[in-house]
Amino acid sequence: MSRPTLKTPPAEQPVTLAEVKAHCVVDFSDDDTLLTGLIGAAVAHLDGFRGILGRAIITQTWSLSQARLRRDFTLPVPDVSAVSITYVDADGVELTVPDEYVSVYPVACGSRVVLSPDFSAPALQSLNEAPVTVDFTCGYGAAADVPQSIKLAIFMLVATWYEQRTDGEEKSLPSWFDAVISPARWVSV
């Protein structure tokens, strides 16, 4: 199985510029571009497979490739709401496993994907090292569905980085930052 790659990014950020400005007590527009960039950086620090939360925040679609069509495998992420499996058959034609044959279950180490025994496994393209592609949608949903603790973590990161830019002394996040994100941090068991 390949490392997941982002196919469809989130349609929105978990927090708005107006919310961040209220949190940072900024009532002017001169720093809007900077604050917008800091929101993006904070979300990137927390979000997805590379983020410290190890999970998607806003709904997004990821893709990974496999060498064979597995009947039972685990995606390394929670909160999977949809899975689409495509494959290249022996004739070089790309086909999709019908949705009714694909089931997804939450498990301690991610999301388990099971293909129905009623699905006949096709012969795959032999010279293709990864003829199977699994696209999966994951995340809490829209910005309104994101837990408040994650939004607070974003506010804290943005505020800290916003304040750090003006003086030479490096400031660290509050000692309770980890306590804020730990309920949302996903760790495979």
C-alpha atoms as a PDB file:
ATOM      1  CA  MET A   1       0.000   0.000   0.000  1.00  0.00           C
ATOM      2  CA  SER A   2       1.344   3.437  -0.910  1.00  0.00           C
ATOM      3  CA  ARG A   3       1.454   6.472   1.328  1.00  0.00           C
ATOM      4  CA  PRO A   4      -1.849   8.384   1.094  1.00  0.00           C
ATOM      5  CA  THR A   5      -1.835  11.520  -1.063  1.00  0.00           C
ATOM      6  CA  LEU A   6      -4.342  14.351  -0.870  1.00  0.00           C
ATOM      7  CA  LYS A   7      -6.710  14.223  -3.843  1.00  0.00           C
ATOM      8  CA  THR A   8      -9.393  16.764  -2.893  1.00  0.00           C
ATOM      9  CA  PRO A   9      -8.461  19.363  -0.260  1.00  0.00           C
ATOM     10  CA  PRO A  10     -10.940  20.732   2.258  1.00  0.00           C
ATOM     11  CA  ALA A  11     -13.409  23.251   0.826  1.00  0.00           C
ATOM     12  CA  GLU A  12     -12.968  25.593   3.800  1.00  0.00           C
ATOM     13  CA  GLN A  13     -10.811  26.257   6.835  1.00  0.00           C
ATOM     14  CA  PRO A  14     -11.975  25.126  10.295  1.00  0.00           C
ATOM     15  CA  VAL A  15     -11.920  28.750  11.512  1.00  0.00           C
ATOM     16  CA  THR A  16     -12.604  32.034   9.762  1.00  0.00           C
ATOM     17  CA  LEU A  17     -10.448  35.128   9.554  1.00  0.00           C
ATOM     18  CA  ALA A  18     -13.089  37.014  11.571  1.00  0.00           C
ATOM     19  CA  GLU A  19     -12.926  34.416  14.372  1.00  0.00           C
ATOM     20  CA  VAL A  20      -9.133  34.570  14.455  1.00  0.00           C
ATOM     21  CA  LYS A  21      -9.164  38.376  14.513  1.00  0.00           C
ATOM     22  CA  ALA A  22     -11.604  38.323  17.423  1.00  0.00           C
ATOM     23  CA  HIS A  23      -9.399  35.833  19.288  1.00  0.00           C
ATOM     24  CA  CYS A  24      -6.238  37.863  18.606  1.00  0.00           C
ATOM     25  CA  VAL A  25      -8.043  41.154  19.326  1.00  0.00           C
ATOM     26  CA  VAL A  26      -7.185  42.593  15.921  1.00  0.00           C
ATOM     27  CA  ASP A  27      -9.668  45.205  14.739  1.00  0.00           C
ATOM     28  CA  PHE A  28      -7.915  46.400  11.574  1.00  0.00           C
ATOM     29  CA  SER A  29      -7.414  44.845   8.145  1.00  0.00           C
ATOM     30  CA  ASP A  30      -3.702  45.586   7.582  1.00  0.00           C
ATOM     31  CA  ASP A  31      -2.691  42.086   8.777  1.00  0.00           C
ATOM     32  CA  ASP A  32      -5.489  40.093   7.114  1.00  0.00           C
ATOM     33  CA  THR A  33      -3.123  38.467   4.617  1.00  0.00           C
ATOM     34  CA  LEU A  34      -0.668  37.527   7.360  1.00  0.00           C
ATOM     35  CA  LEU A  35      -3.419  36.120   9.586  1.00  0.00           C
ATOM     36  CA  THR A  36      -4.898  34.143   6.692  1.00  0.00           C
ATOM     37  CA  GLY A  37      -1.462  32.635   6.060  1.00  0.00           C
ATOM     38  CA  LEU A  38      -1.068  31.806   9.736  1.00  0.00           C
ATOM     39  CA  ILE A  39      -4.455  30.055   9.728  1.00  0.00           C
ATOM     40  CA  GLY A  40      -3.259  27.920   6.813  1.00  0.00           C
ATOM     41  CA  ALA A  41       0.007  27.130   8.596  1.00  0.00           C
ATOM     42  CA  ALA A  42      -1.775  26.214  11.842  1.00  0.00           C
ATOM     43  CA  VAL A  43      -4.216  23.930  10.031  1.00  0.00           C
ATOM     44  CA  ALA A  44      -1.356  22.280   8.102  1.00  0.00           C
ATOM     45  CA  HIS A  45       0.463  21.705  11.407  1.00  0.00           C
ATOM     46  CA  LEU A  46      -2.560  19.852  12.817  1.00  0.00           C
ATOM     47  CA  ASP A  47      -4.346  18.341   9.807  1.00  0.00           C
ATOM     48  CA  GLY A  48      -4.045  15.148   7.775  1.00  0.00           C
ATOM     49  CA  PHE A  49      -1.452  12.398   7.758  1.00  0.00           C
ATOM     50  CA  ARG A  50       1.437  14.807   8.165  1.00  0.00           C
ATOM     51  CA  GLY A  51      -0.240  16.866  10.893  1.00  0.00           C
ATOM     52  CA  ILE A  52       0.205  16.241  14.600  1.00  0.00           C
ATOM     53  CA  LEU A  53      -3.439  15.194  14.998  1.00  0.00           C
ATOM     54  CA  GLY A  54      -2.952  12.338  12.520  1.00  0.00           C
ATOM     55  CA  ARG A  55      -6.461  12.812  11.159  1.00  0.00           C
ATOM     56  CA  ALA A  56      -8.423  14.966   8.767  1.00  0.00           C
ATOM     57  CA  ILE A  57     -10.185  17.976  10.247  1.00  0.00           C
ATOM     58  CA  ILE A  58     -12.492  19.209   7.441  1.00  0.00           C
ATOM     59  CA  THR A  59     -13.858  16.653   4.962  1.00  0.00           C
ATOM     60  CA  GLN A  60     -11.220  15.833   2.337  1.00  0.00           C
ATOM     61  CA  THR A  61     -10.412  12.988  -0.048  1.00  0.00           C
ATOM     62  CA  TRP A  62      -7.182  11.005  -0.027  1.00  0.00           C
ATOM     63  CA  SER A  63      -5.899   8.380  -2.426  1.00  0.00           C
ATOM     64  CA  LEU A  64      -3.568   5.420  -2.143  1.00  0.00           C
ATOM     65  CA  SER A  65      -2.427   2.699  -4.520  1.00  0.00           C
ATOM     66  CA  GLN A  66      -2.182  -1.036  -3.996  1.00  0.00           C
ATOM     67  CA  ALA A  67      -0.520  -3.852  -5.909  1.00  0.00           C
ATOM     68  CA  ARG A  68      -3.538  -6.123  -5.518  1.00  0.00           C
ATOM     69  CA  LEU A  69      -7.241  -5.975  -4.795  1.00  0.00           C
ATOM     70  CA  ARG A  70      -7.527  -6.840  -1.115  1.00  0.00           C
ATOM     71  CA  ARG A  71     -10.794  -8.105   0.290  1.00  0.00           C
ATOM     72  CA  ASP A  72     -10.063  -6.803   3.773  1.00  0.00           C
ATOM     73  CA  PHE A  73      -7.680  -3.972   4.675  1.00  0.00           C
ATOM     74  CA  THR A  74      -7.363  -1.064   7.063  1.00  0.00           C
ATOM     75  CA  LEU A  75      -7.053   2.591   6.108  1.00  0.00           C
ATOM     76  CA  PRO A  76      -4.709   4.404   8.513  1.00  0.00           C
ATOM     77  CA  VAL A  77      -7.226   7.099   9.491  1.00  0.00           C
ATOM     78  CA  PRO A  78     -10.486   7.425  11.435  1.00  0.00           C
ATOM     79  CA  ASP A  79     -13.703   9.156  10.381  1.00  0.00           C
ATOM     80  CA  VAL A  80     -13.901   7.632   6.883  1.00  0.00           C
ATOM     81  CA  SER A  81     -17.288   8.429   5.343  1.00  0.00           C
ATOM     82  CA  ALA A  82     -16.794   7.068   1.807  1.00  0.00           C
ATOM     83  CA  VAL A  83     -14.510   4.698  -0.085  1.00  0.00           C
ATOM     84  CA  SER A  84     -14.179   4.238  -3.839  1.00  0.00           C
ATOM     85  CA  ILE A  85     -12.012   1.452  -5.261  1.00  0.00           C
ATOM     86  CA  THR A  86     -10.887   1.470  -8.894  1.00  0.00           C
ATOM     87  CA  TYR A  87      -8.644  -1.011 -10.664  1.00  0.00           C
ATOM     88  CA  VAL A  88      -7.063  -1.572 -14.044  1.00  0.00           C
ATOM     89  CA  ASP A  89      -8.066  -4.967 -15.406  1.00  0.00           C
ATOM     90  CA  ALA A  90      -5.971  -7.327 -17.536  1.00  0.00           C
ATOM     91  CA  ASP A  91      -7.150  -5.542 -20.708  1.00  0.00           C
ATOM     92  CA  GLY A  92      -6.002  -2.129 -19.419  1.00  0.00           C
ATOM     93  CA  VAL A  93      -9.535  -0.890 -18.720  1.00  0.00           C
ATOM     94  CA  GLU A  94     -10.121   1.117 -15.536  1.00  0.00           C
ATOM     95  CA  LEU A  95     -13.158  -0.158 -13.633  1.00  0.00           C
ATOM     96  CA  THR A  96     -14.782   0.702 -10.307  1.00  0.00           C
ATOM     97  CA  VAL A  97     -15.888  -1.732  -7.630  1.00  0.00           C
ATOM     98  CA  PRO A  98     -19.633  -1.067  -7.212  1.00  0.00           C
ATOM     99  CA  ASP A  99     -20.445   0.684  -3.906  1.00  0.00           C
ATOM    100  CA  GLU A 100     -22.758  -2.114  -2.758  1.00  0.00           C
ATOM    101  CA  TYR A 101     -19.731  -4.435  -2.482  1.00  0.00           C
ATOM    102  CA  VAL A 102     -17.683  -2.046  -0.291  1.00  0.00           C
ATOM    103  CA  SER A 103     -18.254  -1.696   3.479  1.00  0.00           C
ATOM    104  CA  VAL A 104     -16.356   0.526   5.927  1.00  0.00           C
ATOM    105  CA  TYR A 105     -16.147  -0.040   9.691  1.00  0.00           C
ATOM    106  CA  PRO A 106     -14.382   2.019  12.365  1.00  0.00           C
ATOM    107  CA  VAL A 107     -11.673   0.037  14.168  1.00  0.00           C
ATOM    108  CA  ALA A 108      -9.051   0.940  16.771  1.00  0.00           C
ATOM    109  CA  CYS A 109      -6.301   1.258  14.158  1.00  0.00           C
ATOM    110  CA  GLY A 110      -8.255   3.243  11.548  1.00  0.00           C
ATOM    111  CA  SER A 111     -11.098   2.314   9.230  1.00  0.00           C
ATOM    112  CA  ARG A 112     -11.553  -1.251   8.029  1.00  0.00           C
ATOM    113  CA  VAL A 113     -12.611  -1.727   4.404  1.00  0.00           C
ATOM    114  CA  VAL A 114     -14.206  -5.035   3.464  1.00  0.00           C
ATOM    115  CA  LEU A 115     -15.180  -6.206  -0.017  1.00  0.00           C
ATOM    116  CA  SER A 116     -18.208  -8.465  -0.186  1.00  0.00           C
ATOM    117  CA  PRO A 117     -17.535 -12.119  -1.062  1.00  0.00           C
ATOM    118  CA  ASP A 118     -20.168 -11.603  -3.789  1.00  0.00           C
ATOM    119  CA  PHE A 119     -17.723  -9.404  -5.719  1.00  0.00           C
ATOM    120  CA  SER A 120     -15.730 -11.449  -8.250  1.00  0.00           C
ATOM    121  CA  ALA A 121     -12.090 -10.412  -8.117  1.00  0.00           C
ATOM    122  CA  PRO A 122     -10.896  -9.609 -11.652  1.00  0.00           C
ATOM    123  CA  ALA A 123      -7.519 -10.302 -13.192  1.00  0.00           C
ATOM    124  CA  LEU A 124      -5.437  -7.131 -12.883  1.00  0.00           C
ATOM    125  CA  GLN A 125      -3.085  -5.513 -15.378  1.00  0.00           C
ATOM    126  CA  SER A 126       0.121  -7.510 -14.967  1.00  0.00           C
ATOM    127  CA  LEU A 127       2.741  -4.868 -15.810  1.00  0.00           C
ATOM    128  CA  ASN A 128       1.179  -2.248 -13.540  1.00  0.00           C
ATOM    129  CA  GLU A 129       2.874  -2.166 -10.095  1.00  0.00           C
ATOM    130  CA  ALA A 130      -0.175  -0.551  -8.478  1.00  0.00           C
ATOM    131  CA  PRO A 131      -3.308  -1.257 -10.538  1.00  0.00           C
ATOM    132  CA  VAL A 132      -5.662  -0.655  -7.605  1.00  0.00           C
ATOM    133  CA  THR A 133      -6.519   2.831  -6.330  1.00  0.00           C
ATOM    134  CA  VAL A 134      -8.447   3.470  -3.136  1.00  0.00           C
ATOM    135  CA  ASP A 135      -9.953   6.941  -2.720  1.00  0.00           C
ATOM    136  CA  PHE A 136     -11.392   7.698   0.686  1.00  0.00           C
ATOM    137  CA  THR A 137     -13.174  10.678   2.171  1.00  0.00           C
ATOM    138  CA  CYS A 138     -12.513  11.462   5.817  1.00  0.00           C
ATOM    139  CA  GLY A 139     -12.805  14.270   8.344  1.00  0.00           C
ATOM    140  CA  TYR A 140     -15.264  15.647  10.859  1.00  0.00           C
ATOM    141  CA  GLY A 141     -17.354  17.302   8.141  1.00  0.00           C
ATOM    142  CA  ALA A 142     -17.773  21.045   7.634  1.00  0.00           C
ATOM    143  CA  ALA A 143     -16.245  23.762   9.829  1.00  0.00           C
ATOM    144  CA  ALA A 144     -19.354  23.747  12.022  1.00  0.00           C
ATOM    145  CA  ASP A 145     -18.680  20.059  12.845  1.00  0.00           C
ATOM    146  CA  VAL A 146     -15.081  20.543  14.020  1.00  0.00           C
ATOM    147  CA  PRO A 147     -14.661  20.098  17.792  1.00  0.00           C
ATOM    148  CA  GLN A 148     -14.127  23.331  19.684  1.00  0.00           C
ATOM    149  CA  SER A 149     -10.839  22.026  21.114  1.00  0.00           C
ATOM    150  CA  ILE A 150      -9.349  21.858  17.603  1.00  0.00           C
ATOM    151  CA  LYS A 151     -10.559  25.373  16.819  1.00  0.00           C
ATOM    152  CA  LEU A 152      -9.028  26.572  20.088  1.00  0.00           C
ATOM    153  CA  ALA A 153      -5.724  24.907  19.143  1.00  0.00           C
ATOM    154  CA  ILE A 154      -5.763  26.763  15.801  1.00  0.00           C
ATOM    155  CA  PHE A 155      -6.498  30.061  17.580  1.00  0.00           C
ATOM    156  CA  MET A 156      -3.621  29.402  20.000  1.00  0.00           C
ATOM    157  CA  LEU A 157      -1.151  28.617  17.217  1.00  0.00           C
ATOM    158  CA  VAL A 158      -2.136  31.656  15.163  1.00  0.00           C
ATOM    159  CA  ALA A 159      -2.019  34.000  18.170  1.00  0.00           C
ATOM    160  CA  THR A 160       1.388  32.699  19.284  1.00  0.00           C
ATOM    161  CA  TRP A 161       2.890  32.973  15.808  1.00  0.00           C
ATOM    162  CA  TYR A 162       1.286  36.388  15.255  1.00  0.00           C
ATOM    163  CA  GLU A 163       2.827  37.716  18.478  1.00  0.00           C
ATOM    164  CA  GLN A 164       6.242  36.088  17.835  1.00  0.00           C
ATOM    165  CA  ARG A 165       6.863  37.949  14.599  1.00  0.00           C
ATOM    166  CA  THR A 166       7.435  41.320  16.292  1.00  0.00           C
ATOM    167  CA  ASP A 167      10.020  40.585  18.952  1.00  0.00           C
ATOM    168  CA  GLY A 168      13.238  38.584  18.953  1.00  0.00           C
ATOM    169  CA  GLU A 169      12.281  36.380  21.870  1.00  0.00           C
ATOM    170  CA  GLU A 170      10.774  33.069  20.829  1.00  0.00           C
ATOM    171  CA  LYS A 171       7.576  32.288  22.682  1.00  0.00           C
ATOM    172  CA  SER A 172       6.298  28.792  23.204  1.00  0.00           C
ATOM    173  CA  LEU A 173       2.751  27.568  23.220  1.00  0.00           C
ATOM    174  CA  PRO A 174       0.980  27.481  26.566  1.00  0.00           C
ATOM    175  CA  SER A 175       1.757  24.381  28.630  1.00  0.00           C
ATOM    176  CA  TRP A 176      -1.853  23.267  28.286  1.00  0.00           C
ATOM    177  CA  PHE A 177      -1.761  23.156  24.449  1.00  0.00           C
ATOM    178  CA  ASP A 178      -1.252  19.375  24.462  1.00  0.00           C
ATOM    179  CA  ALA A 179      -4.189  18.955  26.822  1.00  0.00           C
ATOM    180  CA  VAL A 180      -6.378  20.874  24.363  1.00  0.00           C
ATOM    181  CA  ILE A 181      -5.494  18.698  21.358  1.00  0.00           C
ATOM    182  CA  SER A 182      -5.002  15.320  23.050  1.00  0.00           C
ATOM    183  CA  PRO A 183      -8.685  14.266  22.876  1.00  0.00           C
ATOM    184  CA  ALA A 184      -8.621  14.815  19.095  1.00  0.00           C
ATOM    185  CA  ARG A 185      -5.153  13.388  18.462  1.00  0.00           C
ATOM    186  CA  TRP A 186      -5.518  10.064  16.730  1.00  0.00           C
ATOM    187  CA  VAL A 187      -2.983   7.375  17.354  1.00  0.00           C
ATOM    188  CA  SER A 188      -3.214   3.954  15.733  1.00  0.00           C
ATOM    189  CA  VAL A 189      -3.410   1.201  18.336  1.00  0.00           C
END
